[in-house]
Amino acid sequence: MNGITIFSDLDTTALSVIQAVAPLLIILVIFQVLFLKLPRSYVLNLLKGTIISAFGLLLFLQGVHAGFLPYGQAIGEALGNFTHKWLVIPFGFLLGFITTWSEPAVRILCDQVEEASAGSIHKWSVLYAICIGVAFFVALGMARVVYSIPLLLILLPGYAFAIVILWFTQREFVGIAFDAGGVATGPMANTFLLGIGLGLSSAAGDQNMIIYGLGLVALIALAPIISVMALGLIIRIRIRYRG
């Protein structure tokens, strides 16, 4: 972790941002010329917004490079040096819950679910379901690294269970569940938790970082799919029981 500075590789990060934003700008110009014909003031506002977004993306990516990834990897290495390896599992649960709780995209989804359902589906229920699901699978991912469990032994039964529960949960929760799988793998998971997985695999012994350090994000993407549909199943059972 030594030698990392805030502005190291800033030019490389800036080039990545330009490569990401430039195609969108080209598409905007093409549609403006051929189809949209928007007022000049509107187009200027769009360009200003694009510049602000690009600058924010530059700051975020540079912050990830200088902060989240090294910090997460340092935590992972510290966990890997525990004498009692099983302690990594509850720490993984705690870190998974806190990280998902802090994920802005998850909060936005929960707010939109409550708004779209006119309050019949409470945002806090969905938020807790996502956080608990991700926490469980992060803990499982930590156990996978420590005990050298193949990724397919977790993913295949997990997706098979998701397909089965798909037929029994409330229909309203199916779309929410699959969207939650996308938002849970936001910037916090893809930087902080991924860094923890890489750090843990490098410090846990003879683990291959490519084999065991990666794959955690796949587990995080699966977690909300199962947990949110499980929430829908619980609500469906409660409704039937009351009826």
C-alpha atoms as a PDB file:
ATOM      1  CA  MET A   1       0.000   0.000   0.000  1.00  0.00           C
ATOM      2  CA  ASN A   2       3.006   2.280   0.307  1.00  0.00           C
ATOM      3  CA  GLY A   3       3.571   4.959  -2.296  1.00  0.00           C
ATOM      4  CA  ILE A   4      -0.090   5.551  -3.175  1.00  0.00           C
ATOM      5  CA  THR A   5      -0.832   9.245  -3.561  1.00  0.00           C
ATOM      6  CA  ILE A   6      -4.050  11.025  -4.369  1.00  0.00           C
ATOM      7  CA  PHE A   7      -2.921  12.165  -7.814  1.00  0.00           C
ATOM      8  CA  SER A   8      -0.986   9.081  -8.913  1.00  0.00           C
ATOM      9  CA  ASP A   9      -2.047   7.872 -12.389  1.00  0.00           C
ATOM     10  CA  LEU A  10      -4.451  10.795 -12.697  1.00  0.00           C
ATOM     11  CA  ASP A  11      -3.763  11.023 -16.431  1.00  0.00           C
ATOM     12  CA  THR A  12      -4.694   7.373 -16.922  1.00  0.00           C
ATOM     13  CA  THR A  13      -7.921   7.861 -14.983  1.00  0.00           C
ATOM     14  CA  ALA A  14      -8.762  10.975 -16.999  1.00  0.00           C
ATOM     15  CA  LEU A  15      -8.229   9.059 -20.242  1.00  0.00           C
ATOM     16  CA  SER A  16     -10.590   6.319 -19.003  1.00  0.00           C
ATOM     17  CA  VAL A  17     -13.259   8.932 -18.244  1.00  0.00           C
ATOM     18  CA  ILE A  18     -12.882  10.480 -21.697  1.00  0.00           C
ATOM     19  CA  GLN A  19     -13.224   7.049 -23.307  1.00  0.00           C
ATOM     20  CA  ALA A  20     -16.382   6.421 -21.283  1.00  0.00           C
ATOM     21  CA  VAL A  21     -18.070   9.781 -21.909  1.00  0.00           C
ATOM     22  CA  ALA A  22     -17.013  10.527 -25.504  1.00  0.00           C
ATOM     23  CA  PRO A  23     -19.238   7.855 -27.175  1.00  0.00           C
ATOM     24  CA  LEU A  24     -22.283   9.201 -25.321  1.00  0.00           C
ATOM     25  CA  LEU A  25     -21.492  12.723 -26.481  1.00  0.00           C
ATOM     26  CA  ILE A  26     -21.131  11.527 -30.074  1.00  0.00           C
ATOM     27  CA  ILE A  27     -24.528   9.796 -29.888  1.00  0.00           C
ATOM     28  CA  LEU A  28     -26.052  12.964 -28.421  1.00  0.00           C
ATOM     29  CA  VAL A  29     -24.687  15.080 -31.257  1.00  0.00           C
ATOM     30  CA  ILE A  30     -25.891  12.630 -33.922  1.00  0.00           C
ATOM     31  CA  PHE A  31     -29.423  12.470 -32.493  1.00  0.00           C
ATOM     32  CA  GLN A  32     -29.501  16.243 -32.037  1.00  0.00           C
ATOM     33  CA  VAL A  33     -28.556  16.882 -35.657  1.00  0.00           C
ATOM     34  CA  LEU A  34     -30.729  14.192 -37.240  1.00  0.00           C
ATOM     35  CA  PHE A  35     -33.765  13.756 -34.987  1.00  0.00           C
ATOM     36  CA  LEU A  36     -34.135  15.752 -31.777  1.00  0.00           C
ATOM     37  CA  LYS A  37     -33.558  19.363 -32.898  1.00  0.00           C
ATOM     38  CA  LEU A  38     -33.593  20.524 -29.276  1.00  0.00           C
ATOM     39  CA  PRO A  39     -33.239  24.225 -28.413  1.00  0.00           C
ATOM     40  CA  ARG A  40     -29.699  25.504 -28.054  1.00  0.00           C
ATOM     41  CA  SER A  41     -30.175  26.352 -24.382  1.00  0.00           C
ATOM     42  CA  TYR A  42     -31.330  22.787 -23.659  1.00  0.00           C
ATOM     43  CA  VAL A  43     -28.330  21.301 -25.448  1.00  0.00           C
ATOM     44  CA  LEU A  44     -25.973  23.601 -23.540  1.00  0.00           C
ATOM     45  CA  ASN A  45     -27.483  22.423 -20.262  1.00  0.00           C
ATOM     46  CA  LEU A  46     -26.975  18.832 -21.359  1.00  0.00           C
ATOM     47  CA  LEU A  47     -23.346  19.531 -22.186  1.00  0.00           C
ATOM     48  CA  LYS A  48     -22.794  21.275 -18.860  1.00  0.00           C
ATOM     49  CA  GLY A  49     -24.361  18.335 -17.049  1.00  0.00           C
ATOM     50  CA  THR A  50     -22.157  15.930 -18.994  1.00  0.00           C
ATOM     51  CA  ILE A  51     -19.026  17.867 -18.068  1.00  0.00           C
ATOM     52  CA  ILE A  52     -20.034  17.916 -14.401  1.00  0.00           C
ATOM     53  CA  SER A  53     -20.769  14.179 -14.510  1.00  0.00           C
ATOM     54  CA  ALA A  54     -17.423  13.487 -16.182  1.00  0.00           C
ATOM     55  CA  PHE A  55     -15.609  15.534 -13.543  1.00  0.00           C
ATOM     56  CA  GLY A  56     -17.482  13.698 -10.770  1.00  0.00           C
ATOM     57  CA  LEU A  57     -16.614  10.362 -12.377  1.00  0.00           C
ATOM     58  CA  LEU A  58     -12.971  11.402 -12.524  1.00  0.00           C
ATOM     59  CA  LEU A  59     -12.985  12.283  -8.818  1.00  0.00           C
ATOM     60  CA  PHE A  60     -14.743   9.027  -7.941  1.00  0.00           C
ATOM     61  CA  LEU A  61     -12.421   6.777  -9.942  1.00  0.00           C
ATOM     62  CA  GLN A  62      -9.362   8.573  -8.611  1.00  0.00           C
ATOM     63  CA  GLY A  63     -10.705   8.239  -5.072  1.00  0.00           C
ATOM     64  CA  VAL A  64     -11.278   4.522  -5.651  1.00  0.00           C
ATOM     65  CA  HIS A  65      -7.710   4.137  -6.877  1.00  0.00           C
ATOM     66  CA  ALA A  66      -6.227   6.050  -3.959  1.00  0.00           C
ATOM     67  CA  GLY A  67      -8.623   5.054  -1.184  1.00  0.00           C
ATOM     68  CA  PHE A  68     -11.262   2.331  -1.369  1.00  0.00           C
ATOM     69  CA  LEU A  69      -9.300  -0.398  -3.152  1.00  0.00           C
ATOM     70  CA  PRO A  70      -6.097  -0.104  -1.062  1.00  0.00           C
ATOM     71  CA  TYR A  71      -8.111   0.326   2.143  1.00  0.00           C
ATOM     72  CA  GLY A  72     -10.269  -2.701   1.396  1.00  0.00           C
ATOM     73  CA  GLN A  73      -7.243  -4.769   0.453  1.00  0.00           C
ATOM     74  CA  ALA A  74      -5.488  -3.771   3.687  1.00  0.00           C
ATOM     75  CA  ILE A  75      -8.539  -4.895   5.704  1.00  0.00           C
ATOM     76  CA  GLY A  76      -8.617  -8.172   3.784  1.00  0.00           C
ATOM     77  CA  GLU A  77      -4.944  -8.812   4.502  1.00  0.00           C
ATOM     78  CA  ALA A  78      -5.526  -8.091   8.198  1.00  0.00           C
ATOM     79  CA  LEU A  79      -8.428 -10.559   8.265  1.00  0.00           C
ATOM     80  CA  GLY A  80      -6.292 -13.154   6.511  1.00  0.00           C
ATOM     81  CA  ASN A  81      -3.736 -12.965   9.318  1.00  0.00           C
ATOM     82  CA  PHE A  82      -6.269 -13.963  11.991  1.00  0.00           C
ATOM     83  CA  THR A  83      -5.158 -16.983  14.005  1.00  0.00           C
ATOM     84  CA  HIS A  84      -8.699 -18.346  14.074  1.00  0.00           C
ATOM     85  CA  LYS A  85      -9.749 -18.239  10.441  1.00  0.00           C
ATOM     86  CA  TRP A  86     -13.449 -18.757  11.190  1.00  0.00           C
ATOM     87  CA  LEU A  87     -13.571 -15.225  12.635  1.00  0.00           C
ATOM     88  CA  VAL A  88     -13.348 -13.944   9.067  1.00  0.00           C
ATOM     89  CA  ILE A  89     -16.921 -15.147   8.438  1.00  0.00           C
ATOM     90  CA  PRO A  90     -18.743 -12.931  10.997  1.00  0.00           C
ATOM     91  CA  PHE A  91     -16.513 -10.010  10.004  1.00  0.00           C
ATOM     92  CA  GLY A  92     -17.563 -10.602   6.401  1.00  0.00           C
ATOM     93  CA  PHE A  93     -21.228 -10.564   7.432  1.00  0.00           C
ATOM     94  CA  LEU A  94     -20.771  -7.265   9.279  1.00  0.00           C
ATOM     95  CA  LEU A  95     -18.816  -5.612   6.452  1.00  0.00           C
ATOM     96  CA  GLY A  96     -21.314  -6.842   3.857  1.00  0.00           C
ATOM     97  CA  PHE A  97     -24.249  -5.406   5.778  1.00  0.00           C
ATOM     98  CA  ILE A  98     -22.607  -2.023   6.428  1.00  0.00           C
ATOM     99  CA  THR A  99     -21.340  -1.656   2.860  1.00  0.00           C
ATOM    100  CA  THR A 100     -24.753  -2.424   1.354  1.00  0.00           C
ATOM    101  CA  TRP A 101     -26.440  -0.117   3.856  1.00  0.00           C
ATOM    102  CA  SER A 102     -24.121   2.658   2.607  1.00  0.00           C
ATOM    103  CA  GLU A 103     -24.724   1.937  -1.094  1.00  0.00           C
ATOM    104  CA  PRO A 104     -26.550   4.952  -2.638  1.00  0.00           C
ATOM    105  CA  ALA A 105     -28.039   2.922  -5.501  1.00  0.00           C
ATOM    106  CA  VAL A 106     -29.682   0.540  -3.020  1.00  0.00           C
ATOM    107  CA  ARG A 107     -31.341   3.464  -1.209  1.00  0.00           C
ATOM    108  CA  ILE A 108     -32.614   4.871  -4.507  1.00  0.00           C
ATOM    109  CA  LEU A 109     -34.128   1.521  -5.493  1.00  0.00           C
ATOM    110  CA  CYS A 110     -35.876   1.137  -2.128  1.00  0.00           C
ATOM    111  CA  ASP A 111     -37.341   4.644  -2.391  1.00  0.00           C
ATOM    112  CA  GLN A 112     -38.572   3.936  -5.916  1.00  0.00           C
ATOM    113  CA  VAL A 113     -40.134   0.638  -4.838  1.00  0.00           C
ATOM    114  CA  GLU A 114     -42.096   2.350  -2.080  1.00  0.00           C
ATOM    115  CA  GLU A 115     -43.174   5.128  -4.456  1.00  0.00           C
ATOM    116  CA  ALA A 116     -44.184   2.757  -7.267  1.00  0.00           C
ATOM    117  CA  SER A 117     -46.152   0.539  -4.884  1.00  0.00           C
ATOM    118  CA  ALA A 118     -47.922   3.515  -3.305  1.00  0.00           C
ATOM    119  CA  GLY A 119     -46.442   2.572   0.042  1.00  0.00           C
ATOM    120  CA  SER A 120     -47.692  -1.030   0.069  1.00  0.00           C
ATOM    121  CA  ILE A 121     -44.101  -2.275  -0.056  1.00  0.00           C
ATOM    122  CA  HIS A 122     -42.096  -0.454   2.597  1.00  0.00           C
ATOM    123  CA  LYS A 123     -38.624   0.668   1.612  1.00  0.00           C
ATOM    124  CA  TRP A 124     -37.172  -0.426   4.940  1.00  0.00           C
ATOM    125  CA  SER A 125     -38.338  -4.006   4.409  1.00  0.00           C
ATOM    126  CA  VAL A 126     -36.634  -4.138   1.024  1.00  0.00           C
ATOM    127  CA  LEU A 127     -33.508  -2.404   2.380  1.00  0.00           C
ATOM    128  CA  TYR A 128     -33.106  -4.852   5.254  1.00  0.00           C
ATOM    129  CA  ALA A 129     -33.740  -7.819   2.948  1.00  0.00           C
ATOM    130  CA  ILE A 130     -31.026  -6.660   0.541  1.00  0.00           C
ATOM    131  CA  CYS A 131     -28.525  -5.867   3.309  1.00  0.00           C
ATOM    132  CA  ILE A 132     -29.035  -9.160   5.126  1.00  0.00           C
ATOM    133  CA  GLY A 133     -28.831 -11.138   1.890  1.00  0.00           C
ATOM    134  CA  VAL A 134     -25.616  -9.456   0.788  1.00  0.00           C
ATOM    135  CA  ALA A 135     -24.141  -9.805   4.292  1.00  0.00           C
ATOM    136  CA  PHE A 136     -24.832 -13.544   4.257  1.00  0.00           C
ATOM    137  CA  PHE A 137     -23.245 -14.042   0.845  1.00  0.00           C
ATOM    138  CA  VAL A 138     -20.216 -11.890   1.681  1.00  0.00           C
ATOM    139  CA  ALA A 139     -19.690 -14.069   4.754  1.00  0.00           C
ATOM    140  CA  LEU A 140     -20.045 -17.099   2.476  1.00  0.00           C
ATOM    141  CA  GLY A 141     -17.513 -15.527   0.108  1.00  0.00           C
ATOM    142  CA  MET A 142     -15.066 -15.059   2.974  1.00  0.00           C
ATOM    143  CA  ALA A 143     -15.529 -18.716   3.945  1.00  0.00           C
ATOM    144  CA  ARG A 144     -14.932 -19.663   0.307  1.00  0.00           C
ATOM    145  CA  VAL A 145     -11.553 -17.939   0.327  1.00  0.00           C
ATOM    146  CA  VAL A 146     -10.446 -19.282   3.708  1.00  0.00           C
ATOM    147  CA  TYR A 147     -11.565 -22.875   3.130  1.00  0.00           C
ATOM    148  CA  SER A 148     -10.849 -23.037  -0.641  1.00  0.00           C
ATOM    149  CA  ILE A 149     -14.450 -23.700  -1.662  1.00  0.00           C
ATOM    150  CA  PRO A 150     -14.955 -23.717  -5.478  1.00  0.00           C
ATOM    151  CA  LEU A 151     -17.131 -20.854  -6.693  1.00  0.00           C
ATOM    152  CA  LEU A 152     -19.448 -23.133  -8.677  1.00  0.00           C
ATOM    153  CA  LEU A 153     -20.408 -25.031  -5.523  1.00  0.00           C
ATOM    154  CA  ILE A 154     -22.002 -21.804  -4.306  1.00  0.00           C
ATOM    155  CA  LEU A 155     -23.262 -20.200  -7.514  1.00  0.00           C
ATOM    156  CA  LEU A 156     -24.970 -23.219  -9.087  1.00  0.00           C
ATOM    157  CA  PRO A 157     -27.095 -24.159  -6.040  1.00  0.00           C
ATOM    158  CA  GLY A 158     -27.730 -20.459  -5.421  1.00  0.00           C
ATOM    159  CA  TYR A 159     -29.147 -19.792  -8.876  1.00  0.00           C
ATOM    160  CA  ALA A 160     -31.042 -23.085  -8.822  1.00  0.00           C
ATOM    161  CA  PHE A 161     -32.668 -22.028  -5.546  1.00  0.00           C
ATOM    162  CA  ALA A 162     -33.422 -18.591  -7.044  1.00  0.00           C
ATOM    163  CA  ILE A 163     -35.206 -20.233  -9.987  1.00  0.00           C
ATOM    164  CA  VAL A 164     -37.247 -22.454  -7.660  1.00  0.00           C
ATOM    165  CA  ILE A 165     -38.287 -19.654  -5.316  1.00  0.00           C
ATOM    166  CA  LEU A 166     -39.167 -17.568  -8.378  1.00  0.00           C
ATOM    167  CA  TRP A 167     -42.318 -19.667  -8.846  1.00  0.00           C
ATOM    168  CA  PHE A 168     -43.549 -19.246  -5.280  1.00  0.00           C
ATOM    169  CA  THR A 169     -42.853 -15.638  -4.356  1.00  0.00           C
ATOM    170  CA  GLN A 170     -45.217 -12.730  -4.996  1.00  0.00           C
ATOM    171  CA  ARG A 171     -44.978 -11.491  -8.581  1.00  0.00           C
ATOM    172  CA  GLU A 172     -44.387  -7.911  -7.425  1.00  0.00           C
ATOM    173  CA  PHE A 173     -41.097  -8.945  -5.832  1.00  0.00           C
ATOM    174  CA  VAL A 174     -39.581 -10.694  -8.864  1.00  0.00           C
ATOM    175  CA  GLY A 175     -38.676  -7.516 -10.735  1.00  0.00           C
ATOM    176  CA  ILE A 176     -37.527  -5.850  -7.529  1.00  0.00           C
ATOM    177  CA  ALA A 177     -35.272  -8.815  -6.741  1.00  0.00           C
ATOM    178  CA  PHE A 178     -33.465  -8.827 -10.074  1.00  0.00           C
ATOM    179  CA  ASP A 179     -33.046  -5.049 -10.069  1.00  0.00           C
ATOM    180  CA  ALA A 180     -31.694  -5.296  -6.525  1.00  0.00           C
ATOM    181  CA  GLY A 181     -29.048  -7.708  -7.793  1.00  0.00           C
ATOM    182  CA  GLY A 182     -27.790  -4.957 -10.069  1.00  0.00           C
ATOM    183  CA  VAL A 183     -27.805  -2.061  -7.626  1.00  0.00           C
ATOM    184  CA  ALA A 184     -26.175  -4.100  -4.842  1.00  0.00           C
ATOM    185  CA  THR A 185     -23.081  -4.463  -7.025  1.00  0.00           C
ATOM    186  CA  GLY A 186     -22.562  -0.708  -7.044  1.00  0.00           C
ATOM    187  CA  PRO A 187     -19.385   1.284  -6.429  1.00  0.00           C
ATOM    188  CA  MET A 188     -19.101   0.294  -2.763  1.00  0.00           C
ATOM    189  CA  ALA A 189     -19.217  -3.443  -3.496  1.00  0.00           C
ATOM    190  CA  ASN A 190     -17.078  -3.272  -6.607  1.00  0.00           C
ATOM    191  CA  THR A 191     -14.317  -1.379  -4.848  1.00  0.00           C
ATOM    192  CA  PHE A 192     -14.317  -1.899  -1.101  1.00  0.00           C
ATOM    193  CA  LEU A 193     -15.594  -5.486  -0.844  1.00  0.00           C
ATOM    194  CA  LEU A 194     -13.692  -6.640  -3.914  1.00  0.00           C
ATOM    195  CA  GLY A 195     -10.522  -5.179  -2.394  1.00  0.00           C
ATOM    196  CA  ILE A 196     -11.224  -7.106   0.818  1.00  0.00           C
ATOM    197  CA  GLY A 197     -11.594 -10.339  -1.133  1.00  0.00           C
ATOM    198  CA  LEU A 198      -8.314  -9.784  -2.960  1.00  0.00           C
ATOM    199  CA  GLY A 199      -6.491  -8.862   0.242  1.00  0.00           C
ATOM    200  CA  LEU A 200      -7.881 -11.848   2.114  1.00  0.00           C
ATOM    201  CA  SER A 201      -6.896 -14.296  -0.624  1.00  0.00           C
ATOM    202  CA  SER A 202      -3.356 -12.916  -0.727  1.00  0.00           C
ATOM    203  CA  ALA A 203      -2.909 -13.275   3.041  1.00  0.00           C
ATOM    204  CA  ALA A 204      -4.797 -16.519   3.644  1.00  0.00           C
ATOM    205  CA  GLY A 205      -1.942 -18.776   2.608  1.00  0.00           C
ATOM    206  CA  ASP A 206      -1.287 -20.274  -0.800  1.00  0.00           C
ATOM    207  CA  GLN A 207      -4.526 -19.008  -2.321  1.00  0.00           C
ATOM    208  CA  ASN A 208      -4.501 -17.884  -5.943  1.00  0.00           C
ATOM    209  CA  MET A 209      -5.836 -14.293  -6.017  1.00  0.00           C
ATOM    210  CA  ILE A 210      -7.324 -14.803  -9.479  1.00  0.00           C
ATOM    211  CA  ILE A 211      -9.226 -17.943  -8.442  1.00  0.00           C
ATOM    212  CA  TYR A 212     -10.291 -17.018  -4.908  1.00  0.00           C
ATOM    213  CA  GLY A 213      -9.911 -13.225  -4.751  1.00  0.00           C
ATOM    214  CA  LEU A 214     -12.381 -12.653  -7.572  1.00  0.00           C
ATOM    215  CA  GLY A 215     -15.953 -13.912  -7.755  1.00  0.00           C
ATOM    216  CA  LEU A 216     -17.210 -12.089  -4.675  1.00  0.00           C
ATOM    217  CA  VAL A 217     -19.178  -9.593  -6.775  1.00  0.00           C
ATOM    218  CA  ALA A 218     -20.995 -12.510  -8.450  1.00  0.00           C
ATOM    219  CA  LEU A 219     -22.113 -13.696  -5.017  1.00  0.00           C
ATOM    220  CA  ILE A 220     -23.200 -10.169  -4.085  1.00  0.00           C
ATOM    221  CA  ALA A 221     -25.274  -9.951  -7.279  1.00  0.00           C
ATOM    222  CA  LEU A 222     -27.008 -13.222  -6.431  1.00  0.00           C
ATOM    223  CA  ALA A 223     -27.709 -12.315  -2.793  1.00  0.00           C
ATOM    224  CA  PRO A 224     -30.531  -9.736  -3.236  1.00  0.00           C
ATOM    225  CA  ILE A 225     -32.254 -11.886  -5.842  1.00  0.00           C
ATOM    226  CA  ILE A 226     -32.737 -14.629  -3.260  1.00  0.00           C
ATOM    227  CA  SER A 227     -33.320 -12.436  -0.206  1.00  0.00           C
ATOM    228  CA  VAL A 228     -35.895 -10.105  -1.824  1.00  0.00           C
ATOM    229  CA  MET A 229     -37.845 -12.998  -3.342  1.00  0.00           C
ATOM    230  CA  ALA A 230     -37.684 -14.694   0.071  1.00  0.00           C
ATOM    231  CA  LEU A 231     -39.220 -11.527   1.511  1.00  0.00           C
ATOM    232  CA  GLY A 232     -42.000 -11.757  -1.065  1.00  0.00           C
ATOM    233  CA  LEU A 233     -42.541 -15.412  -0.176  1.00  0.00           C
ATOM    234  CA  ILE A 234     -42.770 -14.589   3.541  1.00  0.00           C
ATOM    235  CA  ILE A 235     -45.321 -11.842   2.835  1.00  0.00           C
ATOM    236  CA  ARG A 236     -47.333 -14.213   0.628  1.00  0.00           C
ATOM    237  CA  ILE A 237     -47.413 -16.847   3.386  1.00  0.00           C
ATOM    238  CA  ARG A 238     -48.458 -14.244   5.961  1.00  0.00           C
ATOM    239  CA  ILE A 239     -51.299 -13.045   3.720  1.00  0.00           C
ATOM    240  CA  ARG A 240     -52.553 -16.594   3.221  1.00  0.00           C
ATOM    241  CA  TYR A 241     -52.269 -17.322   6.943  1.00  0.00           C
ATOM    242  CA  ARG A 242     -54.289 -14.250   7.833  1.00  0.00           C
ATOM    243  CA  GLY A 243     -56.845 -15.067   5.133  1.00  0.00           C
END
